[in-house]
């Protein structure tokens, strides 16, 4: 009997040891970096390939991840139709703001862009347009002197060449490192749009997440048609700042795209995958006769 128990004990120890080895081997399996992306809304882990194929929209909850300028251009503009303008314009440090040049260089290296606005002439479903995109990955899409100058030049080019303007905004507002010079861009861009409007030309503004501050208070809100991408935060100061300032509770969903649609601030809310077709239709409806 004792011999039998010893044999049983040795077998149990063997299986435990063997199981631990298998468990250790399984535990050492490495998942390739970037294979999954965690959704910012539903917190689900989604295959990166599935996100990319769906234009960076979560297939589970429809959360819209931020796009950079080049991704937006590829999504909206016809293939190989985008001709970039004003690439020689680069920001400087007019106020000698501490470490501003270093931060600009970091943003250039991380994004591959010279500043937060990329623009040019393009075609959307064969409709020729003046097209621009604010990139929230570069200084949070903030509007400094160069951004304001490029927007103004783009609008003036459209006015001179009888073209509609389509601008996608994604911004934290005016660039504080450039102080009053950045705030002056609000007037400059708005004035250019007024001249474009006087020429009876179409301006479609698309506000994506987030569109706030001096950008929301100027050219982003002045479209003949204002479109919000699904899930966009749109407003001037952030909800937390406002609540702390006035010491009052804010309405539910304050500054969300749905809230702004209800209040008449935007005309349409569209999912990302609907944008090109809808903009193309609007361009067709407003096309000037030859």
C-alpha atoms as a PDB file:
ATOM      1  CA  UNK A   1       0.000   0.000   0.000  1.00  0.00           C
ATOM      2  CA  UNK A   2       2.813   2.397   0.866  1.00  0.00           C
ATOM      3  CA  UNK A   3       4.500   1.639  -2.470  1.00  0.00           C
ATOM      4  CA  UNK A   4       1.250   2.384  -4.295  1.00  0.00           C
ATOM      5  CA  UNK A   5       0.895   5.768  -2.572  1.00  0.00           C
ATOM      6  CA  UNK A   6       4.486   6.700  -3.398  1.00  0.00           C
ATOM      7  CA  UNK A   7       3.907   5.913  -7.084  1.00  0.00           C
ATOM      8  CA  UNK A   8       0.719   8.030  -7.106  1.00  0.00           C
ATOM      9  CA  UNK A   9       2.519  10.914  -5.438  1.00  0.00           C
ATOM     10  CA  UNK A  10       5.373  10.806  -7.953  1.00  0.00           C
ATOM     11  CA  UNK A  11       2.915  10.829 -10.865  1.00  0.00           C
ATOM     12  CA  UNK A  12       1.030  13.825  -9.456  1.00  0.00           C
ATOM     13  CA  UNK A  13       4.265  15.768  -8.983  1.00  0.00           C
ATOM     14  CA  UNK A  14       5.334  14.892 -12.535  1.00  0.00           C
ATOM     15  CA  UNK A  15       2.073  16.178 -14.057  1.00  0.00           C
ATOM     16  CA  UNK A  16       2.218  19.377 -11.987  1.00  0.00           C
ATOM     17  CA  UNK A  17       5.758  20.008 -13.126  1.00  0.00           C
ATOM     18  CA  UNK A  18       4.859  19.292 -16.749  1.00  0.00           C
ATOM     19  CA  UNK A  19       1.834  21.642 -16.526  1.00  0.00           C
ATOM     20  CA  UNK A  20       3.983  24.438 -15.109  1.00  0.00           C
ATOM     21  CA  UNK A  21       6.405  24.080 -18.037  1.00  0.00           C
ATOM     22  CA  UNK A  22       3.567  24.329 -20.549  1.00  0.00           C
ATOM     23  CA  UNK A  23       2.114  27.311 -18.724  1.00  0.00           C
ATOM     24  CA  UNK A  24       5.497  29.056 -18.736  1.00  0.00           C
ATOM     25  CA  UNK A  25       5.852  28.462 -22.459  1.00  0.00           C
ATOM     26  CA  UNK A  26       2.397  29.896 -23.136  1.00  0.00           C
ATOM     27  CA  UNK A  27       3.115  32.884 -20.894  1.00  0.00           C
ATOM     28  CA  UNK A  28       6.162  33.796 -22.978  1.00  0.00           C
ATOM     29  CA  UNK A  29       4.186  34.213 -26.225  1.00  0.00           C
ATOM     30  CA  UNK A  30       4.707  37.786 -27.422  1.00  0.00           C
ATOM     31  CA  UNK A  31       1.853  39.732 -29.035  1.00  0.00           C
ATOM     32  CA  UNK A  32       3.236  41.995 -31.805  1.00  0.00           C
ATOM     33  CA  UNK A  33       3.133  45.673 -30.899  1.00  0.00           C
ATOM     34  CA  UNK A  34       0.335  47.566 -32.623  1.00  0.00           C
ATOM     35  CA  UNK A  35      -1.765  44.468 -33.337  1.00  0.00           C
ATOM     36  CA  UNK A  36      -4.634  45.782 -31.195  1.00  0.00           C
ATOM     37  CA  UNK A  37      -5.966  49.282 -30.478  1.00  0.00           C
ATOM     38  CA  UNK A  38      -8.051  50.090 -27.411  1.00  0.00           C
ATOM     39  CA  UNK A  39     -11.184  52.053 -28.274  1.00  0.00           C
ATOM     40  CA  UNK A  40     -11.393  55.430 -26.542  1.00  0.00           C
ATOM     41  CA  UNK A  41     -15.117  55.022 -25.945  1.00  0.00           C
ATOM     42  CA  UNK A  42     -16.090  51.365 -25.389  1.00  0.00           C
ATOM     43  CA  UNK A  43     -12.575  50.289 -24.242  1.00  0.00           C
ATOM     44  CA  UNK A  44     -12.715  47.186 -26.441  1.00  0.00           C
ATOM     45  CA  UNK A  45      -9.505  45.875 -27.975  1.00  0.00           C
ATOM     46  CA  UNK A  46      -9.920  46.021 -31.748  1.00  0.00           C
ATOM     47  CA  UNK A  47      -7.642  44.592 -34.410  1.00  0.00           C
ATOM     48  CA  UNK A  48      -5.626  47.460 -35.869  1.00  0.00           C
ATOM     49  CA  UNK A  49      -6.368  46.178 -39.390  1.00  0.00           C
ATOM     50  CA  UNK A  50     -10.117  46.364 -38.719  1.00  0.00           C
ATOM     51  CA  UNK A  51      -9.784  49.955 -37.507  1.00  0.00           C
ATOM     52  CA  UNK A  52      -7.744  50.977 -40.554  1.00  0.00           C
ATOM     53  CA  UNK A  53     -10.138  49.302 -42.997  1.00  0.00           C
ATOM     54  CA  UNK A  54     -13.005  51.209 -41.381  1.00  0.00           C
ATOM     55  CA  UNK A  55     -11.243  54.593 -41.717  1.00  0.00           C
ATOM     56  CA  UNK A  56     -10.311  54.633 -38.018  1.00  0.00           C
ATOM     57  CA  UNK A  57     -13.879  54.184 -36.796  1.00  0.00           C
ATOM     58  CA  UNK A  58     -14.545  51.590 -34.084  1.00  0.00           C
ATOM     59  CA  UNK A  59     -16.668  48.800 -35.619  1.00  0.00           C
ATOM     60  CA  UNK A  60     -18.238  48.074 -32.221  1.00  0.00           C
ATOM     61  CA  UNK A  61     -19.374  51.494 -30.943  1.00  0.00           C
ATOM     62  CA  UNK A  62     -18.753  53.866 -33.907  1.00  0.00           C
ATOM     63  CA  UNK A  63     -16.164  55.920 -31.999  1.00  0.00           C
ATOM     64  CA  UNK A  64     -14.193  58.123 -34.413  1.00  0.00           C
ATOM     65  CA  UNK A  65     -10.438  58.111 -33.811  1.00  0.00           C
ATOM     66  CA  UNK A  66      -8.577  61.271 -34.827  1.00  0.00           C
ATOM     67  CA  UNK A  67      -7.098  61.379 -38.328  1.00  0.00           C
ATOM     68  CA  UNK A  68      -3.974  63.261 -39.299  1.00  0.00           C
ATOM     69  CA  UNK A  69      -3.964  65.639 -42.267  1.00  0.00           C
ATOM     70  CA  UNK A  70      -2.714  63.120 -44.833  1.00  0.00           C
ATOM     71  CA  UNK A  71      -5.209  60.474 -43.746  1.00  0.00           C
ATOM     72  CA  UNK A  72      -8.008  63.014 -44.123  1.00  0.00           C
ATOM     73  CA  UNK A  73      -6.815  64.047 -47.578  1.00  0.00           C
ATOM     74  CA  UNK A  74      -6.672  60.414 -48.715  1.00  0.00           C
ATOM     75  CA  UNK A  75     -10.159  59.799 -47.334  1.00  0.00           C
ATOM     76  CA  UNK A  76     -11.906  62.793 -48.922  1.00  0.00           C
ATOM     77  CA  UNK A  77      -9.960  63.762 -52.049  1.00  0.00           C
ATOM     78  CA  UNK A  78      -9.830  61.775 -55.289  1.00  0.00           C
ATOM     79  CA  UNK A  79      -6.670  59.699 -55.737  1.00  0.00           C
ATOM     80  CA  UNK A  80      -3.617  61.747 -56.726  1.00  0.00           C
ATOM     81  CA  UNK A  81      -5.711  64.903 -57.146  1.00  0.00           C
ATOM     82  CA  UNK A  82      -4.313  66.894 -54.223  1.00  0.00           C
ATOM     83  CA  UNK A  83      -1.792  69.602 -55.163  1.00  0.00           C
ATOM     84  CA  UNK A  84      -0.294  71.111 -52.020  1.00  0.00           C
ATOM     85  CA  UNK A  85       0.205  74.876 -51.656  1.00  0.00           C
ATOM     86  CA  UNK A  86       2.382  77.176 -49.512  1.00  0.00           C
ATOM     87  CA  UNK A  87       4.826  74.533 -48.282  1.00  0.00           C
ATOM     88  CA  UNK A  88       7.516  77.206 -47.858  1.00  0.00           C
ATOM     89  CA  UNK A  89       5.697  78.897 -44.947  1.00  0.00           C
ATOM     90  CA  UNK A  90       7.112  77.921 -41.557  1.00  0.00           C
ATOM     91  CA  UNK A  91       6.337  79.304 -38.075  1.00  0.00           C
ATOM     92  CA  UNK A  92       8.777  81.478 -36.144  1.00  0.00           C
ATOM     93  CA  UNK A  93       8.841  82.701 -32.549  1.00  0.00           C
ATOM     94  CA  UNK A  94       7.623  86.330 -32.663  1.00  0.00           C
ATOM     95  CA  UNK A  95       7.407  86.684 -28.858  1.00  0.00           C
ATOM     96  CA  UNK A  96      10.563  84.745 -27.970  1.00  0.00           C
ATOM     97  CA  UNK A  97       8.350  82.325 -26.083  1.00  0.00           C
ATOM     98  CA  UNK A  98      10.515  79.925 -24.013  1.00  0.00           C
ATOM     99  CA  UNK A  99      11.200  76.544 -25.689  1.00  0.00           C
ATOM    100  CA  UNK A 100       8.770  77.266 -28.552  1.00  0.00           C
ATOM    101  CA  UNK A 101      11.328  76.467 -31.282  1.00  0.00           C
ATOM    102  CA  UNK A 102      12.192  73.169 -29.595  1.00  0.00           C
ATOM    103  CA  UNK A 103       8.534  72.182 -29.359  1.00  0.00           C
ATOM    104  CA  UNK A 104       7.975  73.097 -33.002  1.00  0.00           C
ATOM    105  CA  UNK A 105      10.865  70.865 -34.002  1.00  0.00           C
ATOM    106  CA  UNK A 106       9.475  67.981 -31.953  1.00  0.00           C
ATOM    107  CA  UNK A 107       6.083  68.382 -33.637  1.00  0.00           C
ATOM    108  CA  UNK A 108       7.698  68.503 -37.080  1.00  0.00           C
ATOM    109  CA  UNK A 109       9.555  65.262 -36.453  1.00  0.00           C
ATOM    110  CA  UNK A 110       6.520  63.493 -34.992  1.00  0.00           C
ATOM    111  CA  UNK A 111       4.085  64.508 -37.745  1.00  0.00           C
ATOM    112  CA  UNK A 112       6.239  65.148 -40.794  1.00  0.00           C
ATOM    113  CA  UNK A 113       4.442  68.496 -41.251  1.00  0.00           C
ATOM    114  CA  UNK A 114       5.840  72.039 -41.065  1.00  0.00           C
ATOM    115  CA  UNK A 115       2.727  73.326 -39.240  1.00  0.00           C
ATOM    116  CA  UNK A 116      -0.820  72.376 -38.314  1.00  0.00           C
ATOM    117  CA  UNK A 117      -2.574  73.271 -41.601  1.00  0.00           C
ATOM    118  CA  UNK A 118      -2.170  71.421 -44.895  1.00  0.00           C
ATOM    119  CA  UNK A 119      -3.934  72.830 -47.944  1.00  0.00           C
ATOM    120  CA  UNK A 120      -4.066  72.960 -51.709  1.00  0.00           C
ATOM    121  CA  UNK A 121      -6.236  72.321 -54.729  1.00  0.00           C
ATOM    122  CA  UNK A 122      -7.980  68.964 -55.061  1.00  0.00           C
ATOM    123  CA  UNK A 123     -10.923  67.138 -56.553  1.00  0.00           C
ATOM    124  CA  UNK A 124     -13.761  65.537 -54.632  1.00  0.00           C
ATOM    125  CA  UNK A 125     -15.651  63.144 -56.913  1.00  0.00           C
ATOM    126  CA  UNK A 126     -14.230  65.178 -59.830  1.00  0.00           C
ATOM    127  CA  UNK A 127     -15.353  68.539 -58.365  1.00  0.00           C
ATOM    128  CA  UNK A 128     -12.410  70.935 -58.193  1.00  0.00           C
ATOM    129  CA  UNK A 129     -12.096  72.604 -54.770  1.00  0.00           C
ATOM    130  CA  UNK A 130      -9.711  74.557 -52.557  1.00  0.00           C
ATOM    131  CA  UNK A 131      -9.138  72.061 -49.760  1.00  0.00           C
ATOM    132  CA  UNK A 132      -7.598  72.413 -46.306  1.00  0.00           C
ATOM    133  CA  UNK A 133      -7.138  70.303 -43.167  1.00  0.00           C
ATOM    134  CA  UNK A 134      -6.106  71.195 -39.633  1.00  0.00           C
ATOM    135  CA  UNK A 135      -4.016  68.446 -38.064  1.00  0.00           C
ATOM    136  CA  UNK A 136      -4.663  68.024 -34.320  1.00  0.00           C
ATOM    137  CA  UNK A 137      -1.439  66.007 -34.014  1.00  0.00           C
ATOM    138  CA  UNK A 138       0.609  69.184 -34.598  1.00  0.00           C
ATOM    139  CA  UNK A 139       0.357  71.490 -31.578  1.00  0.00           C
ATOM    140  CA  UNK A 140      -3.261  70.362 -31.142  1.00  0.00           C
ATOM    141  CA  UNK A 141      -4.144  71.983 -34.475  1.00  0.00           C
ATOM    142  CA  UNK A 142      -3.693  75.417 -32.933  1.00  0.00           C
ATOM    143  CA  UNK A 143      -3.833  78.492 -35.177  1.00  0.00           C
ATOM    144  CA  UNK A 144      -0.732  80.640 -35.225  1.00  0.00           C
ATOM    145  CA  UNK A 145       0.485  83.113 -37.828  1.00  0.00           C
ATOM    146  CA  UNK A 146       1.411  80.522 -40.455  1.00  0.00           C
ATOM    147  CA  UNK A 147      -1.828  78.567 -40.074  1.00  0.00           C
ATOM    148  CA  UNK A 148      -3.851  81.765 -40.394  1.00  0.00           C
ATOM    149  CA  UNK A 149      -1.806  82.918 -43.384  1.00  0.00           C
ATOM    150  CA  UNK A 150      -2.205  79.597 -45.202  1.00  0.00           C
ATOM    151  CA  UNK A 151      -5.966  79.538 -44.585  1.00  0.00           C
ATOM    152  CA  UNK A 152      -6.274  83.121 -45.836  1.00  0.00           C
ATOM    153  CA  UNK A 153      -4.182  82.451 -48.946  1.00  0.00           C
ATOM    154  CA  UNK A 154      -6.190  79.309 -49.700  1.00  0.00           C
ATOM    155  CA  UNK A 155      -9.469  81.240 -49.506  1.00  0.00           C
ATOM    156  CA  UNK A 156      -8.074  84.070 -51.636  1.00  0.00           C
ATOM    157  CA  UNK A 157      -6.890  81.526 -54.223  1.00  0.00           C
ATOM    158  CA  UNK A 158     -10.392  80.053 -54.285  1.00  0.00           C
ATOM    159  CA  UNK A 159     -11.940  83.503 -54.756  1.00  0.00           C
ATOM    160  CA  UNK A 160      -9.595  84.371 -57.625  1.00  0.00           C
ATOM    161  CA  UNK A 161     -10.170  81.029 -59.344  1.00  0.00           C
ATOM    162  CA  UNK A 162     -13.921  80.761 -58.748  1.00  0.00           C
ATOM    163  CA  UNK A 163     -13.630  77.658 -56.539  1.00  0.00           C
ATOM    164  CA  UNK A 164     -15.583  76.371 -53.544  1.00  0.00           C
ATOM    165  CA  UNK A 165     -13.675  75.967 -50.285  1.00  0.00           C
ATOM    166  CA  UNK A 166     -13.779  72.853 -48.090  1.00  0.00           C
ATOM    167  CA  UNK A 167     -11.953  73.017 -44.742  1.00  0.00           C
ATOM    168  CA  UNK A 168     -11.755  70.322 -42.061  1.00  0.00           C
ATOM    169  CA  UNK A 169     -11.098  71.728 -38.588  1.00  0.00           C
ATOM    170  CA  UNK A 170      -9.605  69.970 -35.578  1.00  0.00           C
ATOM    171  CA  UNK A 171      -8.132  72.422 -33.107  1.00  0.00           C
ATOM    172  CA  UNK A 172      -7.654  73.516 -29.537  1.00  0.00           C
ATOM    173  CA  UNK A 173      -7.885  77.153 -30.682  1.00  0.00           C
ATOM    174  CA  UNK A 174      -5.399  80.002 -31.064  1.00  0.00           C
ATOM    175  CA  UNK A 175      -1.728  79.217 -30.390  1.00  0.00           C
ATOM    176  CA  UNK A 176      -0.848  80.854 -27.082  1.00  0.00           C
ATOM    177  CA  UNK A 177       2.896  80.851 -27.857  1.00  0.00           C
ATOM    178  CA  UNK A 178       2.207  83.511 -30.502  1.00  0.00           C
ATOM    179  CA  UNK A 179      -0.080  85.639 -28.321  1.00  0.00           C
ATOM    180  CA  UNK A 180      -1.931  88.509 -30.007  1.00  0.00           C
ATOM    181  CA  UNK A 181      -0.475  87.549 -33.389  1.00  0.00           C
ATOM    182  CA  UNK A 182      -2.446  84.293 -33.277  1.00  0.00           C
ATOM    183  CA  UNK A 183      -5.649  86.085 -32.282  1.00  0.00           C
ATOM    184  CA  UNK A 184      -5.292  88.409 -35.284  1.00  0.00           C
ATOM    185  CA  UNK A 185      -5.687  85.364 -37.550  1.00  0.00           C
ATOM    186  CA  UNK A 186      -9.344  85.122 -36.517  1.00  0.00           C
ATOM    187  CA  UNK A 187     -10.069  88.466 -38.190  1.00  0.00           C
ATOM    188  CA  UNK A 188      -7.863  87.765 -41.204  1.00  0.00           C
ATOM    189  CA  UNK A 189      -9.434  84.403 -42.057  1.00  0.00           C
ATOM    190  CA  UNK A 190     -12.971  85.706 -41.474  1.00  0.00           C
ATOM    191  CA  UNK A 191     -12.348  88.708 -43.739  1.00  0.00           C
ATOM    192  CA  UNK A 192     -11.088  86.444 -46.519  1.00  0.00           C
ATOM    193  CA  UNK A 193     -14.229  84.335 -46.206  1.00  0.00           C
ATOM    194  CA  UNK A 194     -16.400  87.446 -46.461  1.00  0.00           C
ATOM    195  CA  UNK A 195     -14.784  88.329 -49.789  1.00  0.00           C
ATOM    196  CA  UNK A 196     -15.242  84.726 -50.932  1.00  0.00           C
ATOM    197  CA  UNK A 197     -18.915  84.921 -49.947  1.00  0.00           C
ATOM    198  CA  UNK A 198     -19.344  88.248 -51.780  1.00  0.00           C
ATOM    199  CA  UNK A 199     -18.193  86.427 -54.917  1.00  0.00           C
ATOM    200  CA  UNK A 200     -21.135  84.053 -54.356  1.00  0.00           C
ATOM    201  CA  UNK A 201     -18.893  81.041 -53.834  1.00  0.00           C
ATOM    202  CA  UNK A 202     -19.569  78.045 -51.581  1.00  0.00           C
ATOM    203  CA  UNK A 203     -17.739  77.345 -48.333  1.00  0.00           C
ATOM    204  CA  UNK A 204     -18.264  73.982 -46.595  1.00  0.00           C
ATOM    205  CA  UNK A 205     -16.858  73.782 -43.073  1.00  0.00           C
ATOM    206  CA  UNK A 206     -16.441  70.368 -41.445  1.00  0.00           C
ATOM    207  CA  UNK A 207     -15.813  70.407 -37.692  1.00  0.00           C
ATOM    208  CA  UNK A 208     -14.159  67.312 -36.261  1.00  0.00           C
ATOM    209  CA  UNK A 209     -13.122  66.399 -32.731  1.00  0.00           C
ATOM    210  CA  UNK A 210     -12.293  68.810 -31.194  1.00  0.00           C
ATOM    211  CA  UNK A 211     -13.060  72.202 -32.783  1.00  0.00           C
ATOM    212  CA  UNK A 212     -12.682  74.822 -30.072  1.00  0.00           C
ATOM    213  CA  UNK A 213     -11.324  78.248 -29.122  1.00  0.00           C
ATOM    214  CA  UNK A 214     -10.353  80.832 -31.721  1.00  0.00           C
ATOM    215  CA  UNK A 215     -10.818  78.381 -34.595  1.00  0.00           C
ATOM    216  CA  UNK A 216     -14.417  77.646 -33.586  1.00  0.00           C
ATOM    217  CA  UNK A 217     -14.965  81.386 -33.070  1.00  0.00           C
ATOM    218  CA  UNK A 218     -13.774  82.286 -36.580  1.00  0.00           C
ATOM    219  CA  UNK A 219     -13.513  80.442 -39.899  1.00  0.00           C
ATOM    220  CA  UNK A 220     -14.747  77.044 -38.658  1.00  0.00           C
ATOM    221  CA  UNK A 221     -18.189  78.445 -37.824  1.00  0.00           C
ATOM    222  CA  UNK A 222     -18.616  80.559 -40.945  1.00  0.00           C
ATOM    223  CA  UNK A 223     -19.491  77.909 -43.482  1.00  0.00           C
ATOM    224  CA  UNK A 224     -22.435  78.265 -45.809  1.00  0.00           C
ATOM    225  CA  UNK A 225     -22.929  74.690 -44.658  1.00  0.00           C
ATOM    226  CA  UNK A 226     -21.499  73.634 -41.301  1.00  0.00           C
ATOM    227  CA  UNK A 227     -21.024  69.888 -40.884  1.00  0.00           C
ATOM    228  CA  UNK A 228     -20.003  68.098 -37.690  1.00  0.00           C
ATOM    229  CA  UNK A 229     -18.286  64.747 -37.803  1.00  0.00           C
ATOM    230  CA  UNK A 230     -19.903  62.227 -35.467  1.00  0.00           C
ATOM    231  CA  UNK A 231     -18.694  62.580 -31.873  1.00  0.00           C
ATOM    232  CA  UNK A 232     -17.055  65.993 -32.310  1.00  0.00           C
ATOM    233  CA  UNK A 233     -16.683  68.391 -29.391  1.00  0.00           C
ATOM    234  CA  UNK A 234     -17.483  71.895 -30.671  1.00  0.00           C
ATOM    235  CA  UNK A 235     -17.354  75.086 -28.634  1.00  0.00           C
ATOM    236  CA  UNK A 236     -15.238  77.980 -27.412  1.00  0.00           C
ATOM    237  CA  UNK A 237     -14.013  77.311 -23.873  1.00  0.00           C
ATOM    238  CA  UNK A 238     -14.092  73.746 -22.590  1.00  0.00           C
ATOM    239  CA  UNK A 239     -17.054  72.523 -20.497  1.00  0.00           C
ATOM    240  CA  UNK A 240     -14.946  72.164 -17.341  1.00  0.00           C
ATOM    241  CA  UNK A 241     -13.595  75.727 -17.610  1.00  0.00           C
ATOM    242  CA  UNK A 242     -17.086  77.148 -18.139  1.00  0.00           C
ATOM    243  CA  UNK A 243     -18.537  75.206 -15.211  1.00  0.00           C
ATOM    244  CA  UNK A 244     -15.758  76.396 -12.900  1.00  0.00           C
ATOM    245  CA  UNK A 245     -16.212  79.995 -14.079  1.00  0.00           C
ATOM    246  CA  UNK A 246     -19.988  80.320 -13.729  1.00  0.00           C
ATOM    247  CA  UNK A 247     -20.399  77.759 -10.909  1.00  0.00           C
ATOM    248  CA  UNK A 248     -23.397  76.191 -12.604  1.00  0.00           C
ATOM    249  CA  UNK A 249     -24.191  72.760 -13.966  1.00  0.00           C
ATOM    250  CA  UNK A 250     -24.141  72.618 -17.758  1.00  0.00           C
ATOM    251  CA  UNK A 251     -26.817  71.029 -19.960  1.00  0.00           C
ATOM    252  CA  UNK A 252     -26.407  67.327 -20.696  1.00  0.00           C
ATOM    253  CA  UNK A 253     -24.176  66.725 -23.706  1.00  0.00           C
ATOM    254  CA  UNK A 254     -23.050  70.367 -23.688  1.00  0.00           C
ATOM    255  CA  UNK A 255     -20.871  71.206 -26.737  1.00  0.00           C
ATOM    256  CA  UNK A 256     -21.360  67.777 -28.306  1.00  0.00           C
ATOM    257  CA  UNK A 257     -22.179  67.615 -32.012  1.00  0.00           C
ATOM    258  CA  UNK A 258     -25.750  66.569 -31.187  1.00  0.00           C
ATOM    259  CA  UNK A 259     -26.143  69.501 -28.797  1.00  0.00           C
ATOM    260  CA  UNK A 260     -24.874  71.935 -31.437  1.00  0.00           C
ATOM    261  CA  UNK A 261     -27.216  70.494 -34.072  1.00  0.00           C
ATOM    262  CA  UNK A 262     -30.183  70.901 -31.734  1.00  0.00           C
ATOM    263  CA  UNK A 263     -29.210  74.540 -31.082  1.00  0.00           C
ATOM    264  CA  UNK A 264     -28.768  75.286 -34.792  1.00  0.00           C
ATOM    265  CA  UNK A 265     -25.003  75.757 -34.660  1.00  0.00           C
ATOM    266  CA  UNK A 266     -24.357  73.016 -37.234  1.00  0.00           C
ATOM    267  CA  UNK A 267     -26.483  71.862 -40.163  1.00  0.00           C
ATOM    268  CA  UNK A 268     -25.546  68.179 -40.351  1.00  0.00           C
ATOM    269  CA  UNK A 269     -23.907  65.433 -38.321  1.00  0.00           C
ATOM    270  CA  UNK A 270     -22.266  62.769 -40.451  1.00  0.00           C
ATOM    271  CA  UNK A 271     -20.375  59.566 -39.834  1.00  0.00           C
ATOM    272  CA  UNK A 272     -16.873  59.650 -41.275  1.00  0.00           C
ATOM    273  CA  UNK A 273     -17.742  57.169 -44.004  1.00  0.00           C
ATOM    274  CA  UNK A 274     -20.588  59.412 -45.211  1.00  0.00           C
ATOM    275  CA  UNK A 275     -18.556  62.588 -45.567  1.00  0.00           C
ATOM    276  CA  UNK A 276     -17.149  62.305 -49.089  1.00  0.00           C
ATOM    277  CA  UNK A 277     -20.433  61.298 -50.703  1.00  0.00           C
ATOM    278  CA  UNK A 278     -22.357  64.052 -48.917  1.00  0.00           C
ATOM    279  CA  UNK A 279     -19.812  66.778 -49.684  1.00  0.00           C
ATOM    280  CA  UNK A 280     -19.777  65.642 -53.312  1.00  0.00           C
ATOM    281  CA  UNK A 281     -23.568  65.934 -53.475  1.00  0.00           C
ATOM    282  CA  UNK A 282     -23.475  69.420 -51.929  1.00  0.00           C
ATOM    283  CA  UNK A 283     -20.848  70.499 -54.461  1.00  0.00           C
ATOM    284  CA  UNK A 284     -23.046  69.198 -57.288  1.00  0.00           C
ATOM    285  CA  UNK A 285     -26.116  71.055 -55.987  1.00  0.00           C
ATOM    286  CA  UNK A 286     -24.189  74.337 -55.688  1.00  0.00           C
ATOM    287  CA  UNK A 287     -22.167  74.042 -58.868  1.00  0.00           C
ATOM    288  CA  UNK A 288     -22.145  77.223 -60.903  1.00  0.00           C
ATOM    289  CA  UNK A 289     -23.301  76.976 -64.483  1.00  0.00           C
ATOM    290  CA  UNK A 290     -20.612  77.167 -67.159  1.00  0.00           C
END
